[in-house]
Amino acid sequence: MFKVSTILYAAVLGVIVIAMLAVSIGRSVRLTSHDDFMVADRNLSGAVLIFTLLCSWIGAGSLFAGAEFAYHQGLASLWLPAGGWVGLMVVYFTAGRARAFAQYTVPDLLEVRYGALARVFGTLCIIVSYTAIVSYQLKGGGRILNLALGISETRGTVLMAIFVIVFTALAGMSSVAYVDLVIGIAVTIGCLVAFPALVNQVGGWRVVHSALPPSHFTVFGTMKWTEAMGYFFPTFTLMLGNQTMYQKFYAAKSERVARHAVVGWIGGTVLLETVIVLIAVTGSVLFRRQLGATDHPLPPWAIIPYAARRGLTPAVGSIFLSAIFAKVISTGNNFLFSPASSVVHDLFQRFVLKGWSDRPLLLLSRLSVIILGLIALAQAFQPSVLATAVYAYDVYGAGLTPAIMAAFLWERATVAGGICSIIAGTTVALAWKIMGYATPMIFPALAASLACLVAVSLATTPSPRKEQCRPVLGRPAAAGK
């Protein structure tokens, strides 16, 4: 029986990988320019945009870090994704402006508002935070391959790295977006089927409720409100400044499509992230013995793939586990593509390789994907997915988000203020991580970033860049321009 189920899981995983590879190769064959690689020729429809935004956001951070948090805090773990939900409500008002700006990366935006140095520092911040995000996608994928096929988690992580690197390098944004459309639909259906099936396996929601401490069903769990905010603000600030999101807005057919896609994204994100937490809470009851084992215990971050493998029938479980696997690959693709595109576009193409044609730029883009993928793999063996996720969110959210939002919303922000904000937020976040302080790093890092942005901007003379900034600030073009 075990061999038959293993073959079934292997077969379904194989079908998923082959299907994704086919889409990537198909898009790669149609790839004609570096512009297509970067922003899919700015032709993404509303449906494709919604699912690729959804897939880029909900990955191992939700499926594994969220599960680890849910194991410890129950429904109070929703504070982690709730920051993203609130952030999305703000993003609705900037999505159209991002599409009107119609560039390629967040550092493009930073240079227009704050100069070339801001582009460099912004790119470095993206590399640090996004390779960390890719690292736990690889770790999560390795665990899934371990559960499905019985191979070691280390080998599975290396295989996952190969999948993510290959899929990303083939066709860039064009590949990522269209693969995401299929994966997003599959994961949504999988979660909605898996949750009631697991609740039924436990014996009903009443059994789940009675088996867990009462704190699992309160607003803050066992946390103080400051601890809850320490999880809320990293996702809130990451969402507001998320480069993968802005790159997809740049790739939309129009400003209207970009703005309306955010509405669908909000609905899908709230639904899926809530169901993911409920699956993790149910799984923590169903697999209490495995979680508490002294010999090879189940790590809390692996509850959801373990529930797919051991808590569902092979037919349902193989489909759900494969959908999770594809989802993790998809998020890895998105967060690997983003810094790789910045390395080429914002560093090499901007300062070193001006005037290069499409073919060498495509080759350099693919080489960047490989190198950054290997850097992410080197970080993939951290013990806690939740801790790695929060660290990555903090670095990006404190380092870049204040400057990004000021670029859209505060005309008085100056070149010096923006650069100081990026440097201060990133430096404090990294220092907090290195020193190992107990206080959530988002508070001091974000405070330093905002203080520098406001104080330095008010103390320095605004730059005469108004004409360049009109699309970003939502201003109509001057007459005759």
Protein backbone atom coordinates (compact mmCIF):
# COMPACT_ATOMS: atom_id res chain seq x y z
CA MET A 1 0.00 0.00 0.00
CA PHE A 2 2.82 2.39 0.92
CA LYS A 3 4.54 1.72 -2.40
CA VAL A 4 1.34 2.29 -4.35
CA SER A 5 0.66 5.61 -2.60
CA THR A 6 4.28 6.70 -3.05
CA ILE A 7 4.02 5.98 -6.76
CA LEU A 8 0.80 8.00 -6.90
CA TYR A 9 2.40 10.99 -5.17
CA ALA A 10 5.47 10.73 -7.40
CA ALA A 11 3.29 10.53 -10.51
CA VAL A 12 1.19 13.57 -9.63
CA LEU A 13 4.29 15.58 -8.68
CA GLY A 14 5.85 14.54 -11.97
CA VAL A 15 2.82 15.69 -13.93
CA ILE A 16 2.91 19.08 -12.14
CA VAL A 17 6.61 19.59 -12.84
CA ILE A 18 6.27 18.55 -16.49
CA ALA A 19 3.27 20.84 -16.98
CA MET A 20 5.15 23.79 -15.47
CA LEU A 21 8.19 22.99 -17.58
CA ALA A 22 6.05 22.82 -20.71
CA VAL A 23 4.56 26.26 -20.01
CA SER A 24 8.01 27.71 -19.30
CA ILE A 25 9.53 26.24 -22.47
CA GLY A 26 6.52 27.37 -24.51
CA ARG A 27 6.86 30.93 -23.24
CA SER A 28 10.64 30.78 -23.69
CA VAL A 29 10.26 29.86 -27.37
CA ARG A 30 7.97 32.85 -27.86
CA LEU A 31 10.37 35.17 -26.03
CA THR A 32 11.60 37.79 -28.49
CA SER A 33 13.10 40.57 -26.39
CA HIS A 34 14.55 41.54 -23.03
CA ASP A 35 11.39 43.64 -22.51
CA ASP A 36 9.30 40.48 -22.80
CA PHE A 37 11.56 38.75 -20.25
CA MET A 38 11.23 41.65 -17.82
CA VAL A 39 7.56 42.69 -18.07
CA ALA A 40 5.85 40.22 -20.47
CA ASP A 41 5.55 43.00 -23.10
CA ARG A 42 3.20 44.85 -20.70
CA ASN A 43 0.30 42.71 -21.83
CA LEU A 44 -0.97 40.82 -18.75
CA SER A 45 -4.76 40.54 -18.54
CA GLY A 46 -6.77 41.01 -15.35
CA ALA A 47 -7.23 37.28 -14.65
CA VAL A 48 -3.56 36.46 -15.19
CA LEU A 49 -2.53 39.45 -13.09
CA ILE A 50 -4.77 38.48 -10.14
CA PHE A 51 -3.43 34.92 -9.95
CA THR A 52 0.21 35.84 -10.48
CA LEU A 53 -0.07 38.47 -7.71
CA LEU A 54 -1.77 35.90 -5.48
CA CYS A 55 0.86 33.25 -6.21
CA SER A 56 3.79 35.58 -5.66
CA TRP A 57 2.46 36.57 -2.22
CA ILE A 58 1.18 33.25 -0.83
CA GLY A 59 4.05 30.80 -0.74
CA ALA A 60 6.23 29.22 1.92
CA GLY A 61 5.79 32.32 4.08
CA SER A 62 2.08 31.52 4.40
CA LEU A 63 2.23 27.73 4.09
CA PHE A 64 5.21 27.13 6.40
CA ALA A 65 5.94 30.26 8.47
CA GLY A 66 2.19 30.76 8.90
CA ALA A 67 1.77 27.12 9.96
CA GLU A 68 4.60 27.41 12.50
CA PHE A 69 2.97 30.55 13.92
CA ALA A 70 -0.48 28.89 13.99
CA TYR A 71 0.94 25.92 15.93
CA HIS A 72 2.11 28.29 18.69
CA GLN A 73 -0.65 30.91 18.65
CA GLY A 74 -3.71 29.46 16.91
CA LEU A 75 -6.02 31.94 15.21
CA ALA A 76 -4.00 34.85 16.63
CA SER A 77 -1.41 33.94 13.99
CA LEU A 78 -3.65 35.78 11.51
CA TRP A 79 -1.86 38.94 12.66
CA LEU A 80 0.98 37.93 10.32
CA PRO A 81 -1.08 37.87 7.07
CA ALA A 82 -3.38 40.68 8.26
CA GLY A 83 -0.56 43.17 7.72
CA GLY A 84 -0.60 42.23 4.05
CA TRP A 85 -4.38 42.61 3.85
CA VAL A 86 -4.27 46.16 5.20
CA GLY A 87 -1.30 46.92 2.98
CA LEU A 88 -3.29 45.83 -0.06
CA MET A 89 -6.00 48.36 0.73
CA VAL A 90 -3.36 51.09 0.46
CA VAL A 91 -1.84 49.50 -2.66
CA TYR A 92 -5.19 49.88 -4.46
CA PHE A 93 -4.52 53.63 -4.63
CA THR A 94 -0.95 53.30 -5.96
CA ALA A 95 -1.43 50.45 -8.48
CA GLY A 96 -2.61 52.73 -11.28
CA ARG A 97 0.27 55.16 -10.70
CA ALA A 98 2.74 52.26 -10.80
CA ARG A 99 1.38 51.18 -14.21
CA ALA A 100 1.44 54.78 -15.47
CA PHE A 101 5.11 54.96 -14.48
CA ALA A 102 5.64 51.84 -16.69
CA GLN A 103 9.26 51.06 -15.92
CA TYR A 104 10.78 47.72 -14.90
CA THR A 105 11.82 47.65 -11.23
CA VAL A 106 11.40 49.47 -7.92
CA PRO A 107 14.94 50.93 -8.21
CA ASP A 108 13.73 52.63 -11.43
CA LEU A 109 11.22 54.44 -9.25
CA LEU A 110 13.83 55.18 -6.59
CA GLU A 111 16.20 56.77 -9.11
CA VAL A 112 13.52 59.01 -10.59
CA ARG A 113 12.68 60.36 -7.12
CA TYR A 114 16.01 60.13 -5.29
CA GLY A 115 18.82 59.77 -7.82
CA ALA A 116 21.21 57.05 -8.99
CA LEU A 117 22.63 56.25 -5.55
CA ALA A 118 19.15 55.29 -4.35
CA ARG A 119 18.94 52.80 -7.23
CA VAL A 120 22.14 51.10 -6.06
CA PHE A 121 21.20 50.91 -2.37
CA GLY A 122 17.67 49.79 -3.26
CA THR A 123 19.01 46.95 -5.40
CA LEU A 124 21.30 45.75 -2.61
CA CYS A 125 18.40 45.74 -0.13
CA ILE A 126 16.27 43.72 -2.58
CA ILE A 127 19.04 41.13 -3.03
CA VAL A 128 19.49 40.66 0.74
CA SER A 129 15.78 40.30 1.56
CA TYR A 130 14.58 38.41 -1.52
CA THR A 131 17.29 35.73 -1.51
CA ALA A 132 16.28 35.06 2.12
CA ILE A 133 12.64 34.71 1.01
CA VAL A 134 13.66 32.30 -1.78
CA SER A 135 15.72 30.28 0.73
CA TYR A 136 12.73 29.11 2.73
CA GLN A 137 10.77 28.33 -0.43
CA LEU A 138 13.59 25.88 -1.22
CA LYS A 139 13.52 24.49 2.33
CA GLY A 140 9.74 23.99 2.15
CA GLY A 141 9.94 22.31 -1.25
CA GLY A 142 12.65 19.99 0.08
CA ARG A 143 10.33 18.91 2.89
CA ILE A 144 7.53 18.19 0.43
CA LEU A 145 9.81 15.99 -1.69
CA ASN A 146 10.90 14.21 1.50
CA LEU A 147 7.28 13.47 2.43
CA ALA A 148 6.18 12.49 -1.07
CA LEU A 149 9.18 10.50 -2.27
CA GLY A 150 11.13 9.57 0.86
CA ILE A 151 14.35 11.29 -0.24
CA SER A 152 16.36 13.25 2.33
CA GLU A 153 15.26 16.80 3.03
CA THR A 154 18.71 18.10 2.03
CA ARG A 155 18.55 16.42 -1.38
CA GLY A 156 14.99 17.61 -1.78
CA THR A 157 16.06 21.20 -1.07
CA VAL A 158 18.79 20.97 -3.72
CA LEU A 159 16.32 19.52 -6.24
CA MET A 160 13.89 22.30 -5.41
CA ALA A 161 16.62 24.86 -6.08
CA ILE A 162 17.22 23.30 -9.50
CA PHE A 163 13.49 23.45 -10.36
CA VAL A 164 13.16 27.09 -9.30
CA ILE A 165 16.32 28.21 -11.10
CA VAL A 166 15.41 26.43 -14.34
CA PHE A 167 11.80 27.64 -14.44
CA THR A 168 12.80 31.23 -13.67
CA ALA A 169 15.69 31.36 -16.13
CA LEU A 170 13.68 30.05 -19.08
CA ALA A 171 11.29 32.92 -19.75
CA GLY A 172 11.31 35.42 -16.89
CA MET A 173 8.06 37.31 -16.20
CA SER A 174 6.36 35.75 -19.21
CA SER A 175 6.91 32.28 -17.74
CA VAL A 176 6.18 33.24 -14.14
CA ALA A 177 2.84 34.94 -14.82
CA TYR A 178 1.25 32.22 -16.95
CA VAL A 179 2.44 29.37 -14.72
CA ASP A 180 0.95 31.26 -11.76
CA LEU A 181 -2.49 31.35 -13.38
CA VAL A 182 -2.75 27.54 -13.33
CA ILE A 183 -1.12 27.14 -9.91
CA GLY A 184 -3.31 29.76 -8.28
CA ILE A 185 -6.48 27.98 -9.37
CA ALA A 186 -5.13 24.58 -8.25
CA VAL A 187 -4.04 25.80 -4.79
CA THR A 188 -7.34 27.59 -4.17
CA ILE A 189 -9.33 24.45 -4.96
CA GLY A 190 -6.88 22.27 -2.98
CA CYS A 191 -7.16 24.37 0.20
CA LEU A 192 -10.95 24.56 0.03
CA VAL A 193 -11.17 20.75 -0.33
CA ALA A 194 -8.45 19.90 2.22
CA PHE A 195 -9.77 21.95 5.15
CA PRO A 196 -13.19 20.28 5.55
CA ALA A 197 -11.64 16.87 4.86
CA LEU A 198 -9.12 17.35 7.71
CA VAL A 199 -11.79 18.68 10.08
CA ASN A 200 -13.84 15.59 9.34
CA GLN A 201 -10.79 13.40 9.97
CA VAL A 202 -10.35 14.96 13.43
CA GLY A 203 -14.02 14.49 14.28
CA GLY A 204 -15.39 17.99 13.75
CA TRP A 205 -14.45 21.57 14.62
CA ARG A 206 -15.72 21.08 18.20
CA VAL A 207 -12.99 18.48 18.74
CA VAL A 208 -10.38 20.90 17.37
CA HIS A 209 -11.61 23.64 19.69
CA SER A 210 -11.65 21.44 22.79
CA ALA A 211 -8.22 19.93 22.10
CA LEU A 212 -6.37 23.25 22.02
CA PRO A 213 -5.79 25.82 24.78
CA PRO A 214 -8.36 28.65 24.96
CA SER A 215 -5.64 31.17 24.03
CA HIS A 216 -5.58 29.66 20.52
CA PHE A 217 -9.00 31.24 19.90
CA THR A 218 -8.38 34.74 21.28
CA VAL A 219 -7.32 37.91 19.50
CA PHE A 220 -3.71 37.95 20.71
CA GLY A 221 -3.16 34.35 21.83
CA THR A 222 -0.42 34.34 24.46
CA MET A 223 1.23 37.41 22.90
CA LYS A 224 1.28 40.97 24.12
CA TRP A 225 -0.16 43.42 21.62
CA THR A 226 3.35 44.69 20.87
CA GLU A 227 4.40 41.17 19.85
CA ALA A 228 1.38 40.92 17.55
CA MET A 229 2.35 44.24 15.96
CA GLY A 230 5.86 42.82 15.53
CA TYR A 231 4.31 40.33 13.10
CA PHE A 232 1.73 42.68 11.59
CA PHE A 233 4.07 45.49 10.51
CA PRO A 234 6.68 43.39 8.65
CA THR A 235 4.04 42.03 6.24
CA PHE A 236 2.32 45.43 6.06
CA THR A 237 5.51 47.23 5.05
CA LEU A 238 6.66 44.45 2.72
CA MET A 239 3.32 44.53 0.89
CA LEU A 240 3.45 48.30 0.42
CA GLY A 241 6.89 48.21 -1.19
CA ASN A 242 6.95 44.70 -2.70
CA GLN A 243 8.99 44.79 -5.92
CA THR A 244 7.41 41.62 -7.35
CA MET A 245 4.06 43.37 -7.08
CA TYR A 246 5.21 46.57 -8.79
CA GLN A 247 6.88 44.61 -11.58
CA LYS A 248 3.54 42.95 -12.29
CA PHE A 249 1.72 46.26 -12.25
CA TYR A 250 4.27 47.48 -14.82
CA ALA A 251 3.38 44.37 -16.90
CA ALA A 252 -0.40 44.98 -16.84
CA LYS A 253 -2.27 45.94 -20.00
CA SER A 254 -3.42 49.23 -18.49
CA GLU A 255 -3.73 51.29 -15.32
CA ARG A 256 -7.35 50.16 -14.98
CA VAL A 257 -6.39 46.47 -15.17
CA ALA A 258 -3.69 46.98 -12.52
CA ARG A 259 -6.05 48.73 -10.13
CA HIS A 260 -8.94 46.29 -10.55
CA ALA A 261 -6.64 43.29 -10.14
CA VAL A 262 -5.90 44.47 -6.59
CA VAL A 263 -9.57 43.96 -5.68
CA GLY A 264 -9.47 40.31 -6.77
CA TRP A 265 -6.11 39.92 -5.05
CA ILE A 266 -7.52 41.18 -1.73
CA GLY A 267 -10.40 38.68 -1.83
CA GLY A 268 -8.19 35.75 -2.79
CA THR A 269 -5.52 36.57 -0.20
CA VAL A 270 -7.92 36.94 2.73
CA LEU A 271 -9.67 33.68 1.82
CA LEU A 272 -6.57 31.55 1.22
CA GLU A 273 -4.48 32.79 4.13
CA THR A 274 -7.37 32.28 6.55
CA VAL A 275 -7.96 28.73 5.28
CA ILE A 276 -4.21 27.98 5.49
CA VAL A 277 -4.18 28.98 9.18
CA LEU A 278 -7.29 26.84 9.83
CA ILE A 279 -5.62 23.85 8.12
CA ALA A 280 -2.51 24.31 10.28
CA VAL A 281 -4.57 24.58 13.49
CA THR A 282 -6.53 21.43 12.57
CA GLY A 283 -3.33 19.61 11.63
CA SER A 284 -1.75 20.48 14.99
CA VAL A 285 -4.58 18.52 16.66
CA LEU A 286 -4.53 15.64 14.19
CA PHE A 287 -0.77 15.16 14.49
CA ARG A 288 -0.13 16.01 18.15
CA ARG A 289 1.85 12.83 18.70
CA GLN A 290 4.19 13.45 15.76
CA LEU A 291 4.71 17.10 16.76
CA GLY A 292 5.61 16.08 20.31
CA ALA A 293 7.76 13.07 19.43
CA THR A 294 11.20 12.92 21.01
CA ASP A 295 12.63 10.87 18.15
CA HIS A 296 12.51 12.74 14.82
CA PRO A 297 9.67 15.13 15.75
CA LEU A 298 7.59 16.80 13.08
CA PRO A 299 8.70 20.47 12.88
CA PRO A 300 5.69 22.80 13.30
CA TRP A 301 6.43 24.59 10.01
CA ALA A 302 5.84 21.30 8.13
CA ILE A 303 2.29 20.67 9.44
CA ILE A 304 0.50 21.48 6.18
CA PRO A 305 2.48 19.26 3.78
CA TYR A 306 2.46 16.50 6.43
CA ALA A 307 -1.33 16.83 6.69
CA ALA A 308 -1.59 16.53 2.91
CA ARG A 309 0.54 13.38 2.95
CA ARG A 310 -0.79 11.64 6.07
CA GLY A 311 -4.18 13.17 6.81
CA LEU A 312 -5.96 12.89 3.47
CA THR A 313 -6.76 10.04 1.13
CA PRO A 314 -3.96 9.38 -1.40
CA ALA A 315 -6.09 10.69 -4.28
CA VAL A 316 -6.90 14.02 -2.58
CA GLY A 317 -3.61 14.27 -0.70
CA SER A 318 -1.44 13.77 -3.78
CA ILE A 319 -3.25 16.56 -5.63
CA PHE A 320 -3.12 18.93 -2.64
CA LEU A 321 0.54 18.21 -1.88
CA SER A 322 1.46 18.70 -5.53
CA ALA A 323 -0.46 21.99 -5.62
CA ILE A 324 1.46 23.17 -2.54
CA PHE A 325 4.71 22.10 -4.19
CA ALA A 326 3.85 24.03 -7.35
CA LYS A 327 2.85 27.02 -5.22
CA VAL A 328 6.21 27.04 -3.46
CA ILE A 329 8.03 26.80 -6.81
CA SER A 330 5.93 29.68 -8.09
CA THR A 331 6.77 31.94 -5.15
CA GLY A 332 10.41 30.96 -5.46
CA ASN A 333 10.26 31.90 -9.16
CA ASN A 334 8.78 35.31 -8.36
CA PHE A 335 11.22 36.22 -5.62
CA LEU A 336 14.22 34.92 -7.55
CA PHE A 337 13.25 36.66 -10.78
CA SER A 338 12.86 39.98 -9.00
CA PRO A 339 16.42 40.47 -7.66
CA ALA A 340 17.92 38.88 -10.78
CA SER A 341 16.13 41.42 -12.97
CA SER A 342 17.36 44.20 -10.66
CA VAL A 343 20.97 43.03 -10.86
CA VAL A 344 20.88 43.19 -14.67
CA HIS A 345 18.63 46.21 -15.19
CA ASP A 346 19.56 48.37 -12.21
CA LEU A 347 23.28 47.69 -11.95
CA PHE A 348 24.81 46.26 -15.12
CA GLN A 349 22.52 47.78 -17.75
CA ARG A 350 22.29 51.13 -15.96
CA PHE A 351 25.96 51.67 -15.12
CA VAL A 352 28.16 49.19 -17.02
CA LEU A 353 26.58 47.63 -20.12
CA LYS A 354 24.72 50.55 -21.70
CA GLY A 355 23.53 49.88 -25.22
CA TRP A 356 23.70 46.07 -25.08
CA SER A 357 21.29 44.24 -27.38
CA ASP A 358 18.54 41.83 -26.27
CA ARG A 359 20.44 38.55 -26.70
CA PRO A 360 23.40 39.25 -24.36
CA LEU A 361 21.03 40.87 -21.85
CA LEU A 362 18.88 37.72 -21.81
CA LEU A 363 21.98 35.57 -21.24
CA LEU A 364 23.12 37.84 -18.41
CA SER A 365 19.64 37.74 -16.87
CA ARG A 366 19.69 33.95 -16.84
CA LEU A 367 23.18 33.87 -15.35
CA SER A 368 22.01 36.23 -12.59
CA VAL A 369 19.11 33.87 -11.83
CA ILE A 370 21.55 30.97 -11.40
CA ILE A 371 23.97 32.89 -9.14
CA LEU A 372 21.25 34.33 -6.89
CA GLY A 373 19.53 30.94 -6.76
CA LEU A 374 22.73 29.42 -5.39
CA ILE A 375 23.01 32.24 -2.82
CA ALA A 376 19.45 31.47 -1.71
CA LEU A 377 20.27 27.74 -1.49
CA ALA A 378 23.20 28.54 0.83
CA GLN A 379 20.71 30.22 3.21
CA ALA A 380 18.09 27.45 3.01
CA PHE A 381 19.08 25.46 6.10
CA GLN A 382 17.90 27.87 8.81
CA PRO A 383 16.04 26.13 11.67
CA SER A 384 12.94 28.38 11.72
CA VAL A 385 11.03 29.37 8.60
CA LEU A 386 9.02 31.92 10.61
CA ALA A 387 12.13 33.69 11.92
CA THR A 388 13.70 33.82 8.44
CA ALA A 389 10.48 35.15 6.92
CA VAL A 390 10.09 37.93 9.50
CA TYR A 391 13.76 38.90 9.11
CA ALA A 392 13.41 39.18 5.30
CA TYR A 393 10.19 41.19 5.61
CA ASP A 394 11.81 43.54 8.13
CA VAL A 395 14.87 44.26 5.98
CA TYR A 396 12.75 45.11 2.95
CA GLY A 397 9.89 46.82 4.80
CA ALA A 398 12.14 49.12 6.82
CA GLY A 399 14.79 49.62 4.14
CA LEU A 400 12.65 50.40 1.10
CA THR A 401 8.95 50.83 1.85
CA PRO A 402 9.07 54.34 3.44
CA ALA A 403 11.03 55.71 0.48
CA ILE A 404 8.75 53.93 -2.03
CA MET A 405 5.53 55.21 -0.46
CA ALA A 406 6.95 58.73 -0.16
CA ALA A 407 7.81 58.55 -3.86
CA PHE A 408 4.11 58.07 -4.63
CA LEU A 409 2.50 60.15 -1.91
CA TRP A 410 4.85 62.86 -0.55
CA GLU A 411 6.11 65.42 -3.06
CA ARG A 412 8.32 67.08 -0.41
CA ALA A 413 10.56 63.98 -0.04
CA THR A 414 14.08 64.88 -1.21
CA VAL A 415 17.00 62.99 -2.69
CA ALA A 416 18.97 63.13 0.56
CA GLY A 417 15.93 62.09 2.62
CA GLY A 418 15.20 59.07 0.43
CA ILE A 419 18.81 57.82 0.41
CA CYS A 420 19.22 58.28 4.17
CA SER A 421 15.95 56.43 4.77
CA ILE A 422 17.05 53.40 2.71
CA ILE A 423 20.47 53.23 4.37
CA ALA A 424 19.15 53.73 7.92
CA GLY A 425 16.31 51.18 7.67
CA THR A 426 18.46 48.47 6.09
CA THR A 427 21.43 49.02 8.42
CA VAL A 428 19.38 48.96 11.64
CA ALA A 429 17.48 45.82 10.53
CA LEU A 430 20.69 43.96 9.71
CA ALA A 431 22.39 45.15 12.92
CA TRP A 432 19.38 44.03 14.99
CA LYS A 433 19.59 40.58 13.38
CA ILE A 434 23.34 40.27 13.97
CA MET A 435 23.11 41.43 17.60
CA GLY A 436 20.18 39.08 18.31
CA TYR A 437 18.05 41.56 20.26
CA ALA A 438 14.71 40.23 21.56
CA THR A 439 12.65 43.30 20.54
CA PRO A 440 11.12 42.87 17.06
CA MET A 441 13.50 44.56 14.65
CA ILE A 442 10.73 46.19 12.62
CA PHE A 443 10.14 48.86 15.31
CA PRO A 444 13.66 50.36 15.56
CA ALA A 445 14.41 49.80 11.86
CA LEU A 446 11.18 51.39 10.64
CA ALA A 447 11.52 54.24 13.14
CA ALA A 448 15.05 54.99 11.92
CA SER A 449 13.95 54.86 8.28
CA LEU A 450 10.95 57.17 8.79
CA ALA A 451 12.87 59.60 11.01
CA CYS A 452 15.62 59.97 8.41
CA LEU A 453 13.13 60.32 5.56
CA VAL A 454 11.13 63.09 7.25
CA ALA A 455 13.89 64.95 9.09
CA VAL A 456 16.43 64.99 6.25
CA SER A 457 13.78 65.84 3.63
CA LEU A 458 12.56 68.82 5.67
CA ALA A 459 16.14 69.96 6.28
CA THR A 460 17.22 69.82 2.61
CA THR A 461 16.16 71.60 -0.56
CA PRO A 462 13.70 69.74 -2.82
CA SER A 463 15.23 68.50 -6.05
CA PRO A 464 13.99 70.09 -9.33
CA ARG A 465 12.71 66.73 -10.69
CA LYS A 466 8.98 67.58 -10.92
CA GLU A 467 8.54 66.71 -14.58
CA GLN A 468 10.12 63.28 -14.12
CA CYS A 469 7.97 62.63 -11.05
CA ARG A 470 4.59 63.52 -12.56
CA PRO A 471 3.49 59.90 -13.38
CA VAL A 472 4.63 58.68 -9.95
CA LEU A 473 2.81 61.41 -8.04
CA GLY A 474 -0.35 61.09 -10.13
CA ARG A 475 0.06 64.51 -11.75
CA PRO A 476 -1.00 65.10 -15.36
CA ALA A 477 1.75 65.98 -17.81
CA ALA A 478 2.45 69.66 -18.26
CA ALA A 479 0.91 71.34 -21.30
CA GLY A 480 3.00 70.95 -24.38
CA LYS A 481 5.10 68.20 -22.90
